[in-house]
Amino acid sequence: MAIEKVKEYFAGVGMSDRVLEFANSSATVELAAEQVGCEPARIAKTLSFIGGTEDGCLLVVAAGDARVDNKHFREEFGLKPRMLPADQVESLTGHAVGGVCPFATAGGASVFLDRSLQRFEIVYPAAGSSNSAVRLTLPELEQHTGFVRWVDVCKGWRPEEQE
């Protein structure tokens, strides 16, 4: 199971206590926020897109209240944002739908962190299953994802965009 790989990774860096497992589902932003006990925006959702290497994918980790901006995504990555088909998610990311996270990923997955997360000190990405999360600071998220770079490909999270 993918969560076992994530737990093993965090145990190896002395952070096993950061992995949270829940009795109920945390597969959506709303469910995860309920399980963690935080506002939905602090859930660091991992979105999986076709692209990157020939046999890989792009993973964009964004705040729970952010949505992908097609124009900015195209400008950043040079391709149209197309989500991975559900039947390819696990083989390309290393995690099943509902538990996709930026840790212990498949070899061809490239991780990018969206600026929408930079509003928070602490965020909660999934931990490889549909009932888990990891409590991390932004520097810890950077360190443990092996991210490529910060990007600005989401909308709907800035105060001026709220209406």
C-alpha atoms as a PDB file:
ATOM      1  CA  MET A   1       0.000   0.000   0.000  1.00  0.00           C
ATOM      2  CA  ALA A   2       1.105   3.528  -0.786  1.00  0.00           C
ATOM      3  CA  ILE A   3       0.468   4.751   2.749  1.00  0.00           C
ATOM      4  CA  GLU A   4       2.975   2.206   4.021  1.00  0.00           C
ATOM      5  CA  LYS A   5       5.621   3.705   1.724  1.00  0.00           C
ATOM      6  CA  VAL A   6       4.788   7.202   2.949  1.00  0.00           C
ATOM      7  CA  LYS A   7       4.854   6.092   6.603  1.00  0.00           C
ATOM      8  CA  GLU A   8       8.179   4.338   6.018  1.00  0.00           C
ATOM      9  CA  TYR A   9       9.604   7.483   4.420  1.00  0.00           C
ATOM     10  CA  PHE A  10       8.544   9.740   7.320  1.00  0.00           C
ATOM     11  CA  ALA A  11       9.741   7.208   9.906  1.00  0.00           C
ATOM     12  CA  GLY A  12      13.121   7.269   8.165  1.00  0.00           C
ATOM     13  CA  VAL A  13      13.407  11.021   8.666  1.00  0.00           C
ATOM     14  CA  GLY A  14      12.200  10.928  12.282  1.00  0.00           C
ATOM     15  CA  MET A  15       8.732  12.306  11.542  1.00  0.00           C
ATOM     16  CA  SER A  16       6.475   9.265  11.860  1.00  0.00           C
ATOM     17  CA  ASP A  17       4.286  11.155  14.341  1.00  0.00           C
ATOM     18  CA  ARG A  18       3.284  13.582  11.562  1.00  0.00           C
ATOM     19  CA  VAL A  19       1.377  10.961   9.561  1.00  0.00           C
ATOM     20  CA  LEU A  20      -2.279  11.014  10.571  1.00  0.00           C
ATOM     21  CA  GLU A  21      -4.669   8.134   9.837  1.00  0.00           C
ATOM     22  CA  PHE A  22      -8.408   8.536  10.241  1.00  0.00           C
ATOM     23  CA  ALA A  23     -11.289   6.130  10.787  1.00  0.00           C
ATOM     24  CA  ASN A  24     -13.261   7.983   8.106  1.00  0.00           C
ATOM     25  CA  SER A  25     -12.474   9.119   4.576  1.00  0.00           C
ATOM     26  CA  SER A  26     -10.330  12.166   3.869  1.00  0.00           C
ATOM     27  CA  ALA A  27     -10.496  11.679   0.093  1.00  0.00           C
ATOM     28  CA  THR A  28     -11.857  15.160  -0.674  1.00  0.00           C
ATOM     29  CA  VAL A  29     -10.783  18.585   0.567  1.00  0.00           C
ATOM     30  CA  GLU A  30     -13.933  18.937   2.654  1.00  0.00           C
ATOM     31  CA  LEU A  31     -13.636  15.488   4.211  1.00  0.00           C
ATOM     32  CA  ALA A  32      -9.920  15.981   4.906  1.00  0.00           C
ATOM     33  CA  ALA A  33     -10.550  19.353   6.567  1.00  0.00           C
ATOM     34  CA  GLU A  34     -13.225  17.755   8.739  1.00  0.00           C
ATOM     35  CA  GLN A  35     -10.917  14.909   9.768  1.00  0.00           C
ATOM     36  CA  VAL A  36      -7.940  17.178  10.446  1.00  0.00           C
ATOM     37  CA  GLY A  37      -9.999  19.900  12.085  1.00  0.00           C
ATOM     38  CA  CYS A  38      -8.838  22.802   9.936  1.00  0.00           C
ATOM     39  CA  GLU A  39     -10.189  25.123   7.283  1.00  0.00           C
ATOM     40  CA  PRO A  40     -10.414  23.517   3.804  1.00  0.00           C
ATOM     41  CA  ALA A  41      -7.848  25.944   2.330  1.00  0.00           C
ATOM     42  CA  ARG A  42      -5.094  24.368   4.502  1.00  0.00           C
ATOM     43  CA  ILE A  43      -5.580  20.971   2.852  1.00  0.00           C
ATOM     44  CA  ALA A  44      -2.751  20.658   0.342  1.00  0.00           C
ATOM     45  CA  LYS A  45      -4.436  18.792  -2.493  1.00  0.00           C
ATOM     46  CA  THR A  46      -2.254  17.021  -5.025  1.00  0.00           C
ATOM     47  CA  LEU A  47      -3.580  17.320  -8.572  1.00  0.00           C
ATOM     48  CA  SER A  48      -2.212  14.906 -11.191  1.00  0.00           C
ATOM     49  CA  PHE A  49      -1.835  15.960 -14.826  1.00  0.00           C
ATOM     50  CA  ILE A  50      -0.706  14.371 -18.046  1.00  0.00           C
ATOM     51  CA  GLY A  51       2.716  15.761 -18.887  1.00  0.00           C
ATOM     52  CA  GLY A  52       6.276  15.969 -17.709  1.00  0.00           C
ATOM     53  CA  THR A  53       8.385  13.055 -18.882  1.00  0.00           C
ATOM     54  CA  GLU A  54       7.207  10.656 -21.584  1.00  0.00           C
ATOM     55  CA  ASP A  55       6.184   8.034 -19.034  1.00  0.00           C
ATOM     56  CA  GLY A  56       5.468  10.361 -16.118  1.00  0.00           C
ATOM     57  CA  CYS A  57       3.125  13.067 -14.924  1.00  0.00           C
ATOM     58  CA  LEU A  58       2.966  16.486 -13.306  1.00  0.00           C
ATOM     59  CA  LEU A  59       1.797  16.770  -9.716  1.00  0.00           C
ATOM     60  CA  VAL A  60       0.684  20.222  -8.596  1.00  0.00           C
ATOM     61  CA  VAL A  61       0.185  20.634  -4.859  1.00  0.00           C
ATOM     62  CA  ALA A  62      -2.260  23.483  -4.223  1.00  0.00           C
ATOM     63  CA  ALA A  63      -4.361  24.915  -1.403  1.00  0.00           C
ATOM     64  CA  GLY A  64      -7.756  23.336  -0.902  1.00  0.00           C
ATOM     65  CA  ASP A  65      -9.610  26.456  -2.020  1.00  0.00           C
ATOM     66  CA  ALA A  66      -7.605  26.931  -5.232  1.00  0.00           C
ATOM     67  CA  ARG A  67      -8.614  25.894  -8.748  1.00  0.00           C
ATOM     68  CA  VAL A  68      -6.325  25.418 -11.730  1.00  0.00           C
ATOM     69  CA  ASP A  69      -6.184  28.421 -14.036  1.00  0.00           C
ATOM     70  CA  ASN A  70      -5.947  26.977 -17.562  1.00  0.00           C
ATOM     71  CA  LYS A  71      -4.144  30.027 -18.985  1.00  0.00           C
ATOM     72  CA  HIS A  72      -1.495  30.156 -16.251  1.00  0.00           C
ATOM     73  CA  PHE A  73      -0.993  26.388 -16.395  1.00  0.00           C
ATOM     74  CA  ARG A  74      -0.426  26.565 -20.155  1.00  0.00           C
ATOM     75  CA  GLU A  75       2.013  29.461 -19.737  1.00  0.00           C
ATOM     76  CA  GLU A  76       3.942  27.656 -16.975  1.00  0.00           C
ATOM     77  CA  PHE A  77       4.140  24.172 -18.474  1.00  0.00           C
ATOM     78  CA  GLY A  78       3.585  24.741 -22.196  1.00  0.00           C
ATOM     79  CA  LEU A  79       0.642  22.369 -22.353  1.00  0.00           C
ATOM     80  CA  LYS A  80      -3.078  22.251 -21.726  1.00  0.00           C
ATOM     81  CA  PRO A  81      -3.990  21.033 -18.229  1.00  0.00           C
ATOM     82  CA  ARG A  82      -5.432  17.544 -18.613  1.00  0.00           C
ATOM     83  CA  MET A  83      -6.018  15.483 -15.501  1.00  0.00           C
ATOM     84  CA  LEU A  84      -4.720  11.920 -15.517  1.00  0.00           C
ATOM     85  CA  PRO A  85      -7.420   9.377 -16.358  1.00  0.00           C
ATOM     86  CA  ALA A  86      -8.482   7.561 -13.161  1.00  0.00           C
ATOM     87  CA  ASP A  87      -7.188   4.239 -14.480  1.00  0.00           C
ATOM     88  CA  GLN A  88      -3.655   5.693 -14.862  1.00  0.00           C
ATOM     89  CA  VAL A  89      -3.389   7.621 -11.603  1.00  0.00           C
ATOM     90  CA  GLU A  90      -1.961   4.855  -9.435  1.00  0.00           C
ATOM     91  CA  SER A  91       0.562   3.586 -11.985  1.00  0.00           C
ATOM     92  CA  LEU A  92       1.879   7.085 -12.778  1.00  0.00           C
ATOM     93  CA  THR A  93       1.775   8.667  -9.306  1.00  0.00           C
ATOM     94  CA  GLY A  94       2.289   5.654  -7.063  1.00  0.00           C
ATOM     95  CA  HIS A  95      -0.962   6.433  -5.218  1.00  0.00           C
ATOM     96  CA  ALA A  96      -4.632   5.627  -5.756  1.00  0.00           C
ATOM     97  CA  VAL A  97      -7.318   8.247  -6.406  1.00  0.00           C
ATOM     98  CA  GLY A  98      -8.280   9.878  -3.112  1.00  0.00           C
ATOM     99  CA  GLY A  99      -4.802   9.409  -1.640  1.00  0.00           C
ATOM    100  CA  VAL A 100      -2.531  10.989  -4.239  1.00  0.00           C
ATOM    101  CA  CYS A 101       0.245  12.837  -2.448  1.00  0.00           C
ATOM    102  CA  PRO A 102       3.667  14.306  -3.252  1.00  0.00           C
ATOM    103  CA  PHE A 103       5.633  11.731  -1.197  1.00  0.00           C
ATOM    104  CA  ALA A 104       6.974   8.312  -2.209  1.00  0.00           C
ATOM    105  CA  THR A 105       5.800   8.939  -5.760  1.00  0.00           C
ATOM    106  CA  ALA A 106       6.359   6.879  -8.889  1.00  0.00           C
ATOM    107  CA  GLY A 107       9.655   7.587 -10.629  1.00  0.00           C
ATOM    108  CA  GLY A 108       8.303   9.777 -13.424  1.00  0.00           C
ATOM    109  CA  ALA A 109       6.188  12.087 -11.278  1.00  0.00           C
ATOM    110  CA  SER A 110       7.431  15.699 -11.119  1.00  0.00           C
ATOM    111  CA  VAL A 111       6.157  17.713  -8.129  1.00  0.00           C
ATOM    112  CA  PHE A 112       5.376  21.446  -8.265  1.00  0.00           C
ATOM    113  CA  LEU A 113       4.099  23.533  -5.350  1.00  0.00           C
ATOM    114  CA  ASP A 114       1.533  26.232  -6.067  1.00  0.00           C
ATOM    115  CA  ARG A 115       1.821  29.701  -4.529  1.00  0.00           C
ATOM    116  CA  SER A 116      -1.679  29.334  -3.070  1.00  0.00           C
ATOM    117  CA  LEU A 117      -0.054  27.372  -0.224  1.00  0.00           C
ATOM    118  CA  GLN A 118       2.293  30.196   0.765  1.00  0.00           C
ATOM    119  CA  ARG A 119      -0.430  31.861   2.888  1.00  0.00           C
ATOM    120  CA  PHE A 120      -0.052  29.184   5.554  1.00  0.00           C
ATOM    121  CA  GLU A 121       2.588  28.050   8.017  1.00  0.00           C
ATOM    122  CA  ILE A 122       1.080  24.551   8.328  1.00  0.00           C
ATOM    123  CA  VAL A 123      -0.613  22.507   5.581  1.00  0.00           C
ATOM    124  CA  TYR A 124      -2.018  18.982   5.364  1.00  0.00           C
ATOM    125  CA  PRO A 125      -1.350  16.936   2.224  1.00  0.00           C
ATOM    126  CA  ALA A 126      -2.613  13.365   1.907  1.00  0.00           C
ATOM    127  CA  ALA A 127      -0.312  10.536   2.962  1.00  0.00           C
ATOM    128  CA  GLY A 128      -0.983   7.915   0.309  1.00  0.00           C
ATOM    129  CA  SER A 129      -4.461   6.694   1.240  1.00  0.00           C
ATOM    130  CA  SER A 130      -8.016   7.992   1.232  1.00  0.00           C
ATOM    131  CA  ASN A 131      -7.997   8.326   5.036  1.00  0.00           C
ATOM    132  CA  SER A 132      -4.688   9.998   5.846  1.00  0.00           C
ATOM    133  CA  ALA A 133      -2.814  13.286   5.978  1.00  0.00           C
ATOM    134  CA  VAL A 134       0.583  14.658   6.999  1.00  0.00           C
ATOM    135  CA  ARG A 135       1.013  17.814   9.108  1.00  0.00           C
ATOM    136  CA  LEU A 136       3.868  19.881   7.625  1.00  0.00           C
ATOM    137  CA  THR A 137       5.291  23.380   7.597  1.00  0.00           C
ATOM    138  CA  LEU A 138       6.022  24.840   4.171  1.00  0.00           C
ATOM    139  CA  PRO A 139       9.801  24.317   4.529  1.00  0.00           C
ATOM    140  CA  GLU A 140       9.095  20.686   5.462  1.00  0.00           C
ATOM    141  CA  LEU A 141       6.772  20.323   2.471  1.00  0.00           C
ATOM    142  CA  GLU A 142       9.535  21.640   0.219  1.00  0.00           C
ATOM    143  CA  GLN A 143      12.118  19.337   1.757  1.00  0.00           C
ATOM    144  CA  HIS A 144      10.090  16.141   1.688  1.00  0.00           C
ATOM    145  CA  THR A 145       8.439  16.427  -1.725  1.00  0.00           C
ATOM    146  CA  GLY A 146      11.600  16.893  -3.764  1.00  0.00           C
ATOM    147  CA  PHE A 147       9.641  19.567  -5.645  1.00  0.00           C
ATOM    148  CA  VAL A 148      10.925  21.101  -8.881  1.00  0.00           C
ATOM    149  CA  ARG A 149       9.857  24.697  -8.130  1.00  0.00           C
ATOM    150  CA  TRP A 150       7.074  26.952  -6.904  1.00  0.00           C
ATOM    151  CA  VAL A 151       4.504  27.838  -9.575  1.00  0.00           C
ATOM    152  CA  ASP A 152       1.506  30.165  -9.824  1.00  0.00           C
ATOM    153  CA  VAL A 153      -1.076  28.137 -11.761  1.00  0.00           C
ATOM    154  CA  CYS A 154      -4.173  28.410  -9.579  1.00  0.00           C
ATOM    155  CA  LYS A 155      -6.968  30.913  -9.095  1.00  0.00           C
ATOM    156  CA  GLY A 156      -9.839  31.500  -6.711  1.00  0.00           C
ATOM    157  CA  TRP A 157      -7.745  31.744  -3.558  1.00  0.00           C
ATOM    158  CA  ARG A 158      -6.672  35.389  -3.604  1.00  0.00           C
ATOM    159  CA  PRO A 159      -8.925  37.810  -1.666  1.00  0.00           C
ATOM    160  CA  GLU A 160      -9.503  39.911  -4.803  1.00  0.00           C
ATOM    161  CA  GLU A 161     -10.785  36.790  -6.600  1.00  0.00           C
ATOM    162  CA  GLN A 162     -13.372  35.996  -3.914  1.00  0.00           C
ATOM    163  CA  GLU A 163     -16.851  37.134  -4.922  1.00  0.00           C
END
